[in-house]
Amino acid sequence: MEANGLGSQGFPELKNDTFLRAAWGEDTDYTPVWCMRQAGRYLPEFRETRAAQDFFSTCRSPEACCELTLQPLRRFPLDAAIIFSDILVVPQALGMEVTMVPGKGPSFPEPLREERDLERLRDPATVASELGYVFQAITLTRQRLAGRVPLIGFAGAPWTLMTYMIEGGSSSTMAQAKRWLYQKPQASHQLLRILTDALVPYLVGQVAAGAQIIFAKDGHFALEELAQAGYEVVGLDWTVAPEKAWERVGKTVTLQGNLDPCALYASEEEIGRLVQQMLDDFGPQRYIANLGHGLYPDMDPEHVGAFVDAVHRHSRLLRQN
């Protein structure tokens, strides 16, 4: 690091690297913690900032994304920030229309129905330049974080995006998208290839813009494969027992997770007990604490604070014993 307090990319030097050290499998003084959807509607200040414009306009404003990303860090001593964005900016950049319907979620007015619909999609090589606003948001946020904690970037996997583009929104069965796999295998491969060719430069661009880590989420059915795919961190949902996960992956990766988000509806004392159990099960090293899914809009910010504090407190005690 240079002496002026700026790192190699001209970003402020990182003061709290506990999250990154855990990701790399190094020993840490305590267990780092952050929450999926920590920048979300459960925060009154988030709702206030978001009220002014529609969802995807917010995503396209680096200033708004930066503000929303930083809000939870003003309230809680989190060990990482995650950029405010959405996985569906990629299908948008490929030329598909996506709207966010209040109370329903994302909607594609003209989903992909036939093979010929793939001709409507833009060249995936243009996606990274279309998404320059995400890179600007990441760079701005890294500067404003002033080295406080690392910044996480993310993108949706090709299959996840394919399901939205064909189903026209979120789907519990993904029947239409799976139908493509069986009835249109070549078109399915073509679409997954288009998405992959769009995602690779997008993720590389996020790192170049200042994002410091990307990991696989919700892959418990393929834990062994994920552990060998070159990821440093694999996120678990709350349906996976930590001991079983360690048996399956060995000590080759760092695990992240996996408290049932609904546990945050419990009392603060009960949250403390559940966190203690989780930390005991995962063990002190190669572990990042998180929820097994994102925070829900009706959750009490005080309980999120209790979760973060309990992780820090119990993990320090674990290491002393």
C-alpha atoms as a PDB file:
ATOM      1  CA  MET A   1       0.000   0.000   0.000  1.00  0.00           C
ATOM      2  CA  GLU A   2       1.217   3.483  -0.762  1.00  0.00           C
ATOM      3  CA  ALA A   3       1.951   5.829   2.098  1.00  0.00           C
ATOM      4  CA  ASN A   4      -0.818   8.306   1.197  1.00  0.00           C
ATOM      5  CA  GLY A   5      -3.491   5.954   2.535  1.00  0.00           C
ATOM      6  CA  LEU A   6      -4.638   4.992  -0.959  1.00  0.00           C
ATOM      7  CA  GLY A   7      -4.485   1.381  -2.100  1.00  0.00           C
ATOM      8  CA  SER A   8      -3.134   0.044  -5.384  1.00  0.00           C
ATOM      9  CA  GLN A   9      -6.208   1.130  -7.406  1.00  0.00           C
ATOM     10  CA  GLY A  10      -6.297   4.613  -5.897  1.00  0.00           C
ATOM     11  CA  PHE A  11      -9.043   3.593  -3.440  1.00  0.00           C
ATOM     12  CA  PRO A  12      -8.772   4.427   0.273  1.00  0.00           C
ATOM     13  CA  GLU A  13      -6.863   1.781   2.223  1.00  0.00           C
ATOM     14  CA  LEU A  14      -9.022  -0.917   3.852  1.00  0.00           C
ATOM     15  CA  LYS A  15      -9.263  -0.566   7.644  1.00  0.00           C
ATOM     16  CA  ASN A  16     -11.423  -3.622   8.417  1.00  0.00           C
ATOM     17  CA  ASP A  17     -10.461  -6.597   6.230  1.00  0.00           C
ATOM     18  CA  THR A  18     -11.946  -9.294   8.536  1.00  0.00           C
ATOM     19  CA  PHE A  19     -14.521 -10.286   5.885  1.00  0.00           C
ATOM     20  CA  LEU A  20     -11.843 -10.714   3.180  1.00  0.00           C
ATOM     21  CA  ARG A  21      -9.515 -12.620   5.512  1.00  0.00           C
ATOM     22  CA  ALA A  22     -12.334 -15.042   6.385  1.00  0.00           C
ATOM     23  CA  ALA A  23     -13.083 -15.453   2.663  1.00  0.00           C
ATOM     24  CA  TRP A  24      -9.443 -16.323   1.996  1.00  0.00           C
ATOM     25  CA  GLY A  25      -9.379 -18.848   4.836  1.00  0.00           C
ATOM     26  CA  GLU A  26      -7.110 -16.807   7.113  1.00  0.00           C
ATOM     27  CA  ASP A  27      -7.613 -16.603  10.877  1.00  0.00           C
ATOM     28  CA  THR A  28      -9.787 -13.745  12.155  1.00  0.00           C
ATOM     29  CA  ASP A  29     -10.288 -12.221  15.629  1.00  0.00           C
ATOM     30  CA  TYR A  30     -14.060 -12.598  15.346  1.00  0.00           C
ATOM     31  CA  THR A  31     -16.626 -13.863  12.836  1.00  0.00           C
ATOM     32  CA  PRO A  32     -17.467 -11.233  10.205  1.00  0.00           C
ATOM     33  CA  VAL A  33     -21.146 -10.643   9.456  1.00  0.00           C
ATOM     34  CA  TRP A  34     -23.333  -8.944   6.853  1.00  0.00           C
ATOM     35  CA  CYS A  35     -26.934  -9.515   5.698  1.00  0.00           C
ATOM     36  CA  MET A  36     -28.387 -10.238   2.306  1.00  0.00           C
ATOM     37  CA  ARG A  37     -30.700  -7.328   1.425  1.00  0.00           C
ATOM     38  CA  GLN A  38     -29.147  -5.254   4.222  1.00  0.00           C
ATOM     39  CA  ALA A  39     -29.952  -2.234   2.020  1.00  0.00           C
ATOM     40  CA  GLY A  40     -33.686  -2.850   1.973  1.00  0.00           C
ATOM     41  CA  ARG A  41     -37.216  -1.782   2.758  1.00  0.00           C
ATOM     42  CA  TYR A  42     -36.996  -2.742   6.444  1.00  0.00           C
ATOM     43  CA  LEU A  43     -35.044   0.537   6.895  1.00  0.00           C
ATOM     44  CA  PRO A  44     -37.234   3.676   7.077  1.00  0.00           C
ATOM     45  CA  GLU A  45     -34.413   5.747   5.522  1.00  0.00           C
ATOM     46  CA  PHE A  46     -34.324   3.306   2.581  1.00  0.00           C
ATOM     47  CA  ARG A  47     -38.068   3.734   1.981  1.00  0.00           C
ATOM     48  CA  GLU A  48     -37.648   7.509   2.137  1.00  0.00           C
ATOM     49  CA  THR A  49     -34.782   7.571  -0.393  1.00  0.00           C
ATOM     50  CA  ARG A  50     -36.600   5.159  -2.712  1.00  0.00           C
ATOM     51  CA  ALA A  51     -39.956   6.985  -2.607  1.00  0.00           C
ATOM     52  CA  ALA A  52     -38.758   9.655  -5.023  1.00  0.00           C
ATOM     53  CA  GLN A  53     -38.245   7.432  -8.109  1.00  0.00           C
ATOM     54  CA  ASP A  54     -39.144   4.048  -9.570  1.00  0.00           C
ATOM     55  CA  PHE A  55     -36.980   1.021  -8.848  1.00  0.00           C
ATOM     56  CA  PHE A  56     -34.904   0.764 -12.024  1.00  0.00           C
ATOM     57  CA  SER A  57     -34.372   4.546 -12.199  1.00  0.00           C
ATOM     58  CA  THR A  58     -32.859   4.202  -8.721  1.00  0.00           C
ATOM     59  CA  CYS A  59     -30.621   1.367  -9.999  1.00  0.00           C
ATOM     60  CA  ARG A  60     -29.434   3.657 -12.809  1.00  0.00           C
ATOM     61  CA  SER A  61     -28.456   6.473 -10.424  1.00  0.00           C
ATOM     62  CA  PRO A  62     -24.933   5.921  -9.009  1.00  0.00           C
ATOM     63  CA  GLU A  63     -25.598   8.570  -6.328  1.00  0.00           C
ATOM     64  CA  ALA A  64     -28.822   6.846  -5.143  1.00  0.00           C
ATOM     65  CA  CYS A  65     -27.210   3.358  -5.224  1.00  0.00           C
ATOM     66  CA  CYS A  66     -24.280   4.638  -3.191  1.00  0.00           C
ATOM     67  CA  GLU A  67     -26.568   6.234  -0.570  1.00  0.00           C
ATOM     68  CA  LEU A  68     -28.710   3.064  -0.254  1.00  0.00           C
ATOM     69  CA  THR A  69     -25.592   0.870   0.020  1.00  0.00           C
ATOM     70  CA  LEU A  70     -24.191   2.991   2.862  1.00  0.00           C
ATOM     71  CA  GLN A  71     -27.413   3.361   4.911  1.00  0.00           C
ATOM     72  CA  PRO A  72     -27.180   0.026   6.808  1.00  0.00           C
ATOM     73  CA  LEU A  73     -23.521   0.734   7.655  1.00  0.00           C
ATOM     74  CA  ARG A  74     -24.530   3.925   9.459  1.00  0.00           C
ATOM     75  CA  ARG A  75     -26.836   1.870  11.708  1.00  0.00           C
ATOM     76  CA  PHE A  76     -24.964  -1.402  12.229  1.00  0.00           C
ATOM     77  CA  PRO A  77     -21.275  -2.407  12.615  1.00  0.00           C
ATOM     78  CA  LEU A  78     -21.451  -4.676   9.530  1.00  0.00           C
ATOM     79  CA  ASP A  79     -18.233  -6.152   8.151  1.00  0.00           C
ATOM     80  CA  ALA A  80     -19.096  -5.686   4.464  1.00  0.00           C
ATOM     81  CA  ALA A  81     -21.214  -3.514   2.193  1.00  0.00           C
ATOM     82  CA  ILE A  82     -23.054  -4.933  -0.839  1.00  0.00           C
ATOM     83  CA  ILE A  83     -23.776  -2.662  -3.778  1.00  0.00           C
ATOM     84  CA  PHE A  84     -27.448  -1.753  -4.245  1.00  0.00           C
ATOM     85  CA  SER A  85     -28.469  -3.062  -7.678  1.00  0.00           C
ATOM     86  CA  ASP A  86     -30.617  -5.831  -9.182  1.00  0.00           C
ATOM     87  CA  ILE A  87     -29.844  -8.998 -11.135  1.00  0.00           C
ATOM     88  CA  LEU A  88     -32.375  -7.967 -13.812  1.00  0.00           C
ATOM     89  CA  VAL A  89     -30.299  -5.021 -15.069  1.00  0.00           C
ATOM     90  CA  VAL A  90     -28.587  -7.659 -17.288  1.00  0.00           C
ATOM     91  CA  PRO A  91     -31.741  -8.701 -19.245  1.00  0.00           C
ATOM     92  CA  GLN A  92     -32.520  -4.964 -19.512  1.00  0.00           C
ATOM     93  CA  ALA A  93     -29.103  -4.322 -21.006  1.00  0.00           C
ATOM     94  CA  LEU A  94     -29.815  -7.140 -23.484  1.00  0.00           C
ATOM     95  CA  GLY A  95     -32.806  -5.106 -24.678  1.00  0.00           C
ATOM     96  CA  MET A  96     -35.685  -6.644 -22.719  1.00  0.00           C
ATOM     97  CA  GLU A  97     -38.210  -4.432 -20.962  1.00  0.00           C
ATOM     98  CA  VAL A  98     -38.501  -5.056 -17.209  1.00  0.00           C
ATOM     99  CA  THR A  99     -40.791  -3.172 -14.832  1.00  0.00           C
ATOM    100  CA  MET A 100     -41.089  -3.471 -11.061  1.00  0.00           C
ATOM    101  CA  VAL A 101     -44.763  -3.912 -10.158  1.00  0.00           C
ATOM    102  CA  PRO A 102     -45.554  -2.781  -6.578  1.00  0.00           C
ATOM    103  CA  GLY A 103     -46.638  -5.729  -4.452  1.00  0.00           C
ATOM    104  CA  LYS A 104     -45.835  -8.229  -7.211  1.00  0.00           C
ATOM    105  CA  GLY A 105     -42.171  -7.829  -8.094  1.00  0.00           C
ATOM    106  CA  PRO A 106     -40.416  -7.763 -11.479  1.00  0.00           C
ATOM    107  CA  SER A 107     -42.420  -8.219 -14.645  1.00  0.00           C
ATOM    108  CA  PHE A 108     -41.379  -8.694 -18.305  1.00  0.00           C
ATOM    109  CA  PRO A 109     -44.230  -7.432 -20.531  1.00  0.00           C
ATOM    110  CA  GLU A 110     -42.800  -9.393 -23.504  1.00  0.00           C
ATOM    111  CA  PRO A 111     -41.052 -12.534 -22.221  1.00  0.00           C
ATOM    112  CA  LEU A 112     -39.202 -14.932 -24.529  1.00  0.00           C
ATOM    113  CA  ARG A 113     -41.696 -17.400 -25.992  1.00  0.00           C
ATOM    114  CA  GLU A 114     -40.150 -18.810 -29.201  1.00  0.00           C
ATOM    115  CA  GLU A 115     -36.619 -19.458 -30.447  1.00  0.00           C
ATOM    116  CA  ARG A 116     -36.894 -16.522 -32.837  1.00  0.00           C
ATOM    117  CA  ASP A 117     -37.371 -14.209 -29.829  1.00  0.00           C
ATOM    118  CA  LEU A 118     -33.639 -14.631 -29.160  1.00  0.00           C
ATOM    119  CA  GLU A 119     -33.034 -12.440 -32.240  1.00  0.00           C
ATOM    120  CA  ARG A 120     -34.524  -9.507 -30.264  1.00  0.00           C
ATOM    121  CA  LEU A 121     -31.622  -9.658 -27.799  1.00  0.00           C
ATOM    122  CA  ARG A 122     -28.690  -7.269 -28.162  1.00  0.00           C
ATOM    123  CA  ASP A 123     -25.141  -8.473 -28.692  1.00  0.00           C
ATOM    124  CA  PRO A 124     -23.883  -9.599 -25.233  1.00  0.00           C
ATOM    125  CA  ALA A 125     -20.574  -7.807 -25.930  1.00  0.00           C
ATOM    126  CA  THR A 126     -22.418  -4.476 -25.515  1.00  0.00           C
ATOM    127  CA  VAL A 127     -23.829  -5.296 -22.050  1.00  0.00           C
ATOM    128  CA  ALA A 128     -20.867  -4.103 -19.974  1.00  0.00           C
ATOM    129  CA  SER A 129     -20.957  -0.661 -21.635  1.00  0.00           C
ATOM    130  CA  GLU A 130     -24.764  -0.498 -21.138  1.00  0.00           C
ATOM    131  CA  LEU A 131     -24.205  -1.159 -17.423  1.00  0.00           C
ATOM    132  CA  GLY A 132     -21.636   1.570 -16.898  1.00  0.00           C
ATOM    133  CA  TYR A 133     -23.941   3.060 -14.254  1.00  0.00           C
ATOM    134  CA  VAL A 134     -23.349   0.001 -12.006  1.00  0.00           C
ATOM    135  CA  PHE A 135     -19.575   0.416 -12.311  1.00  0.00           C
ATOM    136  CA  GLN A 136     -19.907   4.131 -11.490  1.00  0.00           C
ATOM    137  CA  ALA A 137     -21.992   3.258  -8.397  1.00  0.00           C
ATOM    138  CA  ILE A 138     -19.340   0.757  -7.255  1.00  0.00           C
ATOM    139  CA  THR A 139     -16.461   3.204  -7.716  1.00  0.00           C
ATOM    140  CA  LEU A 140     -18.345   6.027  -5.973  1.00  0.00           C
ATOM    141  CA  THR A 141     -19.266   3.721  -3.075  1.00  0.00           C
ATOM    142  CA  ARG A 142     -15.693   2.446  -2.671  1.00  0.00           C
ATOM    143  CA  GLN A 143     -14.539   6.094  -2.402  1.00  0.00           C
ATOM    144  CA  ARG A 144     -17.265   7.036   0.108  1.00  0.00           C
ATOM    145  CA  LEU A 145     -16.690   3.909   2.210  1.00  0.00           C
ATOM    146  CA  ALA A 146     -13.229   5.384   2.837  1.00  0.00           C
ATOM    147  CA  GLY A 147     -11.807   1.928   3.537  1.00  0.00           C
ATOM    148  CA  ARG A 148     -14.279   1.161   6.319  1.00  0.00           C
ATOM    149  CA  VAL A 149     -15.255  -2.310   5.025  1.00  0.00           C
ATOM    150  CA  PRO A 150     -14.999  -4.224   1.714  1.00  0.00           C
ATOM    151  CA  LEU A 151     -17.658  -3.840  -0.999  1.00  0.00           C
ATOM    152  CA  ILE A 152     -19.395  -6.901  -2.474  1.00  0.00           C
ATOM    153  CA  GLY A 153     -20.557  -7.025  -6.087  1.00  0.00           C
ATOM    154  CA  PHE A 154     -23.016  -9.537  -7.544  1.00  0.00           C
ATOM    155  CA  ALA A 155     -24.890 -10.804 -10.584  1.00  0.00           C
ATOM    156  CA  GLY A 156     -27.588 -13.387 -11.247  1.00  0.00           C
ATOM    157  CA  ALA A 157     -26.472 -16.743 -12.658  1.00  0.00           C
ATOM    158  CA  PRO A 158     -27.388 -17.533 -16.307  1.00  0.00           C
ATOM    159  CA  TRP A 159     -30.122 -20.043 -15.359  1.00  0.00           C
ATOM    160  CA  THR A 160     -31.692 -17.611 -12.849  1.00  0.00           C
ATOM    161  CA  LEU A 161     -31.851 -14.878 -15.505  1.00  0.00           C
ATOM    162  CA  MET A 162     -33.131 -17.308 -18.136  1.00  0.00           C
ATOM    163  CA  THR A 163     -36.061 -18.276 -15.879  1.00  0.00           C
ATOM    164  CA  TYR A 164     -37.098 -14.622 -15.445  1.00  0.00           C
ATOM    165  CA  MET A 165     -36.768 -13.886 -19.177  1.00  0.00           C
ATOM    166  CA  ILE A 166     -38.968 -16.843 -20.155  1.00  0.00           C
ATOM    167  CA  GLU A 167     -41.428 -16.902 -17.224  1.00  0.00           C
ATOM    168  CA  GLY A 168     -41.903 -13.131 -17.401  1.00  0.00           C
ATOM    169  CA  GLY A 169     -41.378 -12.769 -13.651  1.00  0.00           C
ATOM    170  CA  SER A 170     -40.554 -14.840 -10.588  1.00  0.00           C
ATOM    171  CA  SER A 171     -41.878 -18.395 -10.622  1.00  0.00           C
ATOM    172  CA  SER A 172     -41.954 -21.143  -8.000  1.00  0.00           C
ATOM    173  CA  THR A 173     -42.051 -24.008 -10.550  1.00  0.00           C
ATOM    174  CA  MET A 174     -40.029 -22.473 -13.436  1.00  0.00           C
ATOM    175  CA  ALA A 175     -42.116 -24.759 -15.657  1.00  0.00           C
ATOM    176  CA  GLN A 176     -41.901 -22.585 -18.790  1.00  0.00           C
ATOM    177  CA  ALA A 177     -38.129 -22.241 -18.535  1.00  0.00           C
ATOM    178  CA  LYS A 178     -37.703 -25.982 -17.847  1.00  0.00           C
ATOM    179  CA  ARG A 179     -39.978 -26.687 -20.806  1.00  0.00           C
ATOM    180  CA  TRP A 180     -37.423 -24.841 -22.969  1.00  0.00           C
ATOM    181  CA  LEU A 181     -34.663 -27.120 -21.651  1.00  0.00           C
ATOM    182  CA  TYR A 182     -36.576 -30.206 -22.814  1.00  0.00           C
ATOM    183  CA  GLN A 183     -38.320 -28.921 -25.947  1.00  0.00           C
ATOM    184  CA  LYS A 184     -35.786 -26.346 -27.186  1.00  0.00           C
ATOM    185  CA  PRO A 185     -32.409 -27.653 -25.992  1.00  0.00           C
ATOM    186  CA  GLN A 186     -30.419 -25.820 -28.680  1.00  0.00           C
ATOM    187  CA  ALA A 187     -32.178 -22.503 -28.097  1.00  0.00           C
ATOM    188  CA  SER A 188     -31.698 -23.007 -24.345  1.00  0.00           C
ATOM    189  CA  HIS A 189     -27.964 -23.493 -24.833  1.00  0.00           C
ATOM    190  CA  GLN A 190     -27.870 -20.445 -27.079  1.00  0.00           C
ATOM    191  CA  LEU A 191     -29.650 -18.291 -24.473  1.00  0.00           C
ATOM    192  CA  LEU A 192     -27.427 -19.532 -21.618  1.00  0.00           C
ATOM    193  CA  ARG A 193     -24.359 -18.803 -23.792  1.00  0.00           C
ATOM    194  CA  ILE A 194     -25.638 -15.248 -24.529  1.00  0.00           C
ATOM    195  CA  LEU A 195     -26.151 -14.681 -20.788  1.00  0.00           C
ATOM    196  CA  THR A 196     -22.739 -16.117 -19.898  1.00  0.00           C
ATOM    197  CA  ASP A 197     -21.060 -13.930 -22.538  1.00  0.00           C
ATOM    198  CA  ALA A 198     -22.828 -10.909 -21.003  1.00  0.00           C
ATOM    199  CA  LEU A 199     -22.104 -11.836 -17.363  1.00  0.00           C
ATOM    200  CA  VAL A 200     -18.377 -12.528 -17.593  1.00  0.00           C
ATOM    201  CA  PRO A 201     -17.352  -8.989 -18.674  1.00  0.00           C
ATOM    202  CA  TYR A 202     -19.988  -7.542 -16.324  1.00  0.00           C
ATOM    203  CA  LEU A 203     -18.450  -9.275 -13.286  1.00  0.00           C
ATOM    204  CA  VAL A 204     -14.899  -8.480 -14.423  1.00  0.00           C
ATOM    205  CA  GLY A 205     -16.029  -4.854 -14.801  1.00  0.00           C
ATOM    206  CA  GLN A 206     -17.461  -4.842 -11.259  1.00  0.00           C
ATOM    207  CA  VAL A 207     -14.106  -5.976  -9.863  1.00  0.00           C
ATOM    208  CA  ALA A 208     -12.250  -3.416 -11.986  1.00  0.00           C
ATOM    209  CA  ALA A 209     -14.629  -0.728 -10.675  1.00  0.00           C
ATOM    210  CA  GLY A 210     -13.807  -1.697  -7.083  1.00  0.00           C
ATOM    211  CA  ALA A 211     -15.960  -4.656  -5.989  1.00  0.00           C
ATOM    212  CA  GLN A 212     -13.889  -6.998  -3.760  1.00  0.00           C
ATOM    213  CA  ILE A 213     -15.563 -10.339  -3.707  1.00  0.00           C
ATOM    214  CA  ILE A 214     -18.201 -12.474  -5.458  1.00  0.00           C
ATOM    215  CA  PHE A 215     -19.569 -15.834  -4.187  1.00  0.00           C
ATOM    216  CA  ALA A 216     -22.049 -18.600  -5.006  1.00  0.00           C
ATOM    217  CA  LYS A 217     -25.402 -18.550  -3.202  1.00  0.00           C
ATOM    218  CA  ASP A 218     -28.063 -21.204  -2.516  1.00  0.00           C
ATOM    219  CA  GLY A 219     -26.203 -24.062  -4.121  1.00  0.00           C
ATOM    220  CA  HIS A 220     -26.657 -26.753  -1.483  1.00  0.00           C
ATOM    221  CA  PHE A 221     -27.661 -29.360  -4.104  1.00  0.00           C
ATOM    222  CA  ALA A 222     -24.208 -28.908  -5.707  1.00  0.00           C
ATOM    223  CA  LEU A 223     -22.022 -28.162  -2.693  1.00  0.00           C
ATOM    224  CA  GLU A 224     -19.210 -30.472  -3.768  1.00  0.00           C
ATOM    225  CA  GLU A 225     -19.161 -29.048  -7.304  1.00  0.00           C
ATOM    226  CA  LEU A 226     -19.229 -25.455  -5.994  1.00  0.00           C
ATOM    227  CA  ALA A 227     -16.406 -26.170  -3.561  1.00  0.00           C
ATOM    228  CA  GLN A 228     -14.285 -27.275  -6.518  1.00  0.00           C
ATOM    229  CA  ALA A 229     -15.421 -24.550  -8.947  1.00  0.00           C
ATOM    230  CA  GLY A 230     -12.882 -22.016  -7.727  1.00  0.00           C
ATOM    231  CA  TYR A 231     -15.163 -19.923  -5.498  1.00  0.00           C
ATOM    232  CA  GLU A 232     -13.637 -18.761  -2.226  1.00  0.00           C
ATOM    233  CA  VAL A 233     -17.002 -18.548  -0.428  1.00  0.00           C
ATOM    234  CA  VAL A 234     -20.139 -20.672  -0.752  1.00  0.00           C
ATOM    235  CA  GLY A 235     -23.364 -19.312   0.762  1.00  0.00           C
ATOM    236  CA  LEU A 236     -25.796 -21.736   2.401  1.00  0.00           C
ATOM    237  CA  ASP A 237     -29.517 -21.318   2.891  1.00  0.00           C
ATOM    238  CA  TRP A 238     -31.090 -22.204   6.243  1.00  0.00           C
ATOM    239  CA  THR A 239     -32.105 -25.724   5.165  1.00  0.00           C
ATOM    240  CA  VAL A 240     -28.484 -26.969   5.294  1.00  0.00           C
ATOM    241  CA  ALA A 241     -26.935 -28.235   8.546  1.00  0.00           C
ATOM    242  CA  PRO A 242     -23.464 -26.651   9.019  1.00  0.00           C
ATOM    243  CA  GLU A 243     -21.782 -29.918  10.171  1.00  0.00           C
ATOM    244  CA  LYS A 244     -23.116 -31.703   7.069  1.00  0.00           C
ATOM    245  CA  ALA A 245     -21.915 -28.876   4.819  1.00  0.00           C
ATOM    246  CA  TRP A 246     -18.384 -29.055   6.267  1.00  0.00           C
ATOM    247  CA  GLU A 247     -18.365 -32.844   5.751  1.00  0.00           C
ATOM    248  CA  ARG A 248     -19.257 -32.308   2.106  1.00  0.00           C
ATOM    249  CA  VAL A 249     -16.870 -29.465   1.201  1.00  0.00           C
ATOM    250  CA  GLY A 250     -13.899 -30.152   3.491  1.00  0.00           C
ATOM    251  CA  LYS A 251     -11.906 -27.108   4.545  1.00  0.00           C
ATOM    252  CA  THR A 252     -11.306 -25.960   0.949  1.00  0.00           C
ATOM    253  CA  VAL A 253     -13.768 -23.059   0.959  1.00  0.00           C
ATOM    254  CA  THR A 254     -15.262 -20.561   3.390  1.00  0.00           C
ATOM    255  CA  LEU A 255     -18.933 -21.131   4.217  1.00  0.00           C
ATOM    256  CA  GLN A 256     -21.415 -18.305   4.661  1.00  0.00           C
ATOM    257  CA  GLY A 257     -24.860 -18.324   6.249  1.00  0.00           C
ATOM    258  CA  ASN A 258     -27.302 -19.406   7.316  1.00  0.00           C
ATOM    259  CA  LEU A 259     -29.749 -18.288  10.024  1.00  0.00           C
ATOM    260  CA  ASP A 260     -33.382 -18.564   8.935  1.00  0.00           C
ATOM    261  CA  PRO A 261     -34.291 -14.895   8.293  1.00  0.00           C
ATOM    262  CA  CYS A 262     -37.610 -15.476  10.092  1.00  0.00           C
ATOM    263  CA  ALA A 263     -35.596 -16.014  13.298  1.00  0.00           C
ATOM    264  CA  LEU A 264     -35.303 -12.208  13.370  1.00  0.00           C
ATOM    265  CA  TYR A 265     -39.002 -12.092  14.309  1.00  0.00           C
ATOM    266  CA  ALA A 266     -37.967 -13.673  17.636  1.00  0.00           C
ATOM    267  CA  SER A 267     -37.039 -11.689  20.770  1.00  0.00           C
ATOM    268  CA  GLU A 268     -33.524 -10.230  20.952  1.00  0.00           C
ATOM    269  CA  GLU A 269     -32.622 -12.800  23.662  1.00  0.00           C
ATOM    270  CA  GLU A 270     -33.783 -15.663  21.456  1.00  0.00           C
ATOM    271  CA  ILE A 271     -31.840 -14.233  18.482  1.00  0.00           C
ATOM    272  CA  GLY A 272     -28.739 -14.289  20.713  1.00  0.00           C
ATOM    273  CA  ARG A 273     -29.314 -17.974  21.540  1.00  0.00           C
ATOM    274  CA  LEU A 274     -29.892 -18.927  17.899  1.00  0.00           C
ATOM    275  CA  VAL A 275     -26.742 -17.071  16.813  1.00  0.00           C
ATOM    276  CA  GLN A 276     -24.712 -18.828  19.517  1.00  0.00           C
ATOM    277  CA  GLN A 277     -25.951 -22.220  18.283  1.00  0.00           C
ATOM    278  CA  MET A 278     -25.134 -21.289  14.662  1.00  0.00           C
ATOM    279  CA  LEU A 279     -21.606 -20.124  15.539  1.00  0.00           C
ATOM    280  CA  ASP A 280     -20.979 -23.276  17.599  1.00  0.00           C
ATOM    281  CA  ASP A 281     -22.071 -25.404  14.617  1.00  0.00           C
ATOM    282  CA  PHE A 282     -19.989 -23.604  11.987  1.00  0.00           C
ATOM    283  CA  GLY A 283     -16.899 -23.149  14.148  1.00  0.00           C
ATOM    284  CA  PRO A 284     -14.653 -20.092  14.460  1.00  0.00           C
ATOM    285  CA  GLN A 285     -12.665 -20.073  11.189  1.00  0.00           C
ATOM    286  CA  ARG A 286     -13.393 -20.114   7.435  1.00  0.00           C
ATOM    287  CA  TYR A 287     -16.861 -18.777   8.205  1.00  0.00           C
ATOM    288  CA  ILE A 288     -18.849 -15.606   7.462  1.00  0.00           C
ATOM    289  CA  ALA A 289     -22.113 -15.139   9.348  1.00  0.00           C
ATOM    290  CA  ASN A 290     -25.222 -14.173   7.400  1.00  0.00           C
ATOM    291  CA  LEU A 291     -28.877 -15.089   7.041  1.00  0.00           C
ATOM    292  CA  GLY A 292     -29.902 -18.021   4.862  1.00  0.00           C
ATOM    293  CA  HIS A 293     -31.850 -15.585   2.664  1.00  0.00           C
ATOM    294  CA  GLY A 294     -32.507 -11.851   2.414  1.00  0.00           C
ATOM    295  CA  LEU A 295     -34.080  -9.626   5.071  1.00  0.00           C
ATOM    296  CA  TYR A 296     -37.856  -9.183   4.729  1.00  0.00           C
ATOM    297  CA  PRO A 297     -39.416  -5.687   4.505  1.00  0.00           C
ATOM    298  CA  ASP A 298     -41.390  -5.978   7.772  1.00  0.00           C
ATOM    299  CA  MET A 299     -38.374  -6.828   9.942  1.00  0.00           C
ATOM    300  CA  ASP A 300     -37.431  -4.643  12.888  1.00  0.00           C
ATOM    301  CA  PRO A 301     -34.056  -2.877  12.369  1.00  0.00           C
ATOM    302  CA  GLU A 302     -33.405  -3.296  16.125  1.00  0.00           C
ATOM    303  CA  HIS A 303     -33.487  -7.072  15.664  1.00  0.00           C
ATOM    304  CA  VAL A 304     -31.062  -6.854  12.751  1.00  0.00           C
ATOM    305  CA  GLY A 305     -28.750  -4.908  15.090  1.00  0.00           C
ATOM    306  CA  ALA A 306     -29.188  -7.619  17.749  1.00  0.00           C
ATOM    307  CA  PHE A 307     -28.187 -10.278  15.184  1.00  0.00           C
ATOM    308  CA  VAL A 308     -25.012  -8.386  14.148  1.00  0.00           C
ATOM    309  CA  ASP A 309     -23.998  -7.674  17.755  1.00  0.00           C
ATOM    310  CA  ALA A 310     -24.638 -11.282  18.830  1.00  0.00           C
ATOM    311  CA  VAL A 311     -22.354 -12.590  16.061  1.00  0.00           C
ATOM    312  CA  HIS A 312     -19.524 -10.262  17.103  1.00  0.00           C
ATOM    313  CA  ARG A 313     -19.982 -10.954  20.819  1.00  0.00           C
ATOM    314  CA  HIS A 314     -20.327 -14.771  20.708  1.00  0.00           C
ATOM    315  CA  SER A 315     -17.584 -15.246  18.127  1.00  0.00           C
ATOM    316  CA  ARG A 316     -15.071 -13.363  20.296  1.00  0.00           C
ATOM    317  CA  LEU A 317     -16.072 -15.537  23.287  1.00  0.00           C
ATOM    318  CA  LEU A 318     -15.703 -18.709  21.178  1.00  0.00           C
ATOM    319  CA  ARG A 319     -12.138 -17.771  20.328  1.00  0.00           C
ATOM    320  CA  GLN A 320     -11.265 -17.049  23.979  1.00  0.00           C
ATOM    321  CA  ASN A 321     -12.446 -20.501  25.015  1.00  0.00           C
END
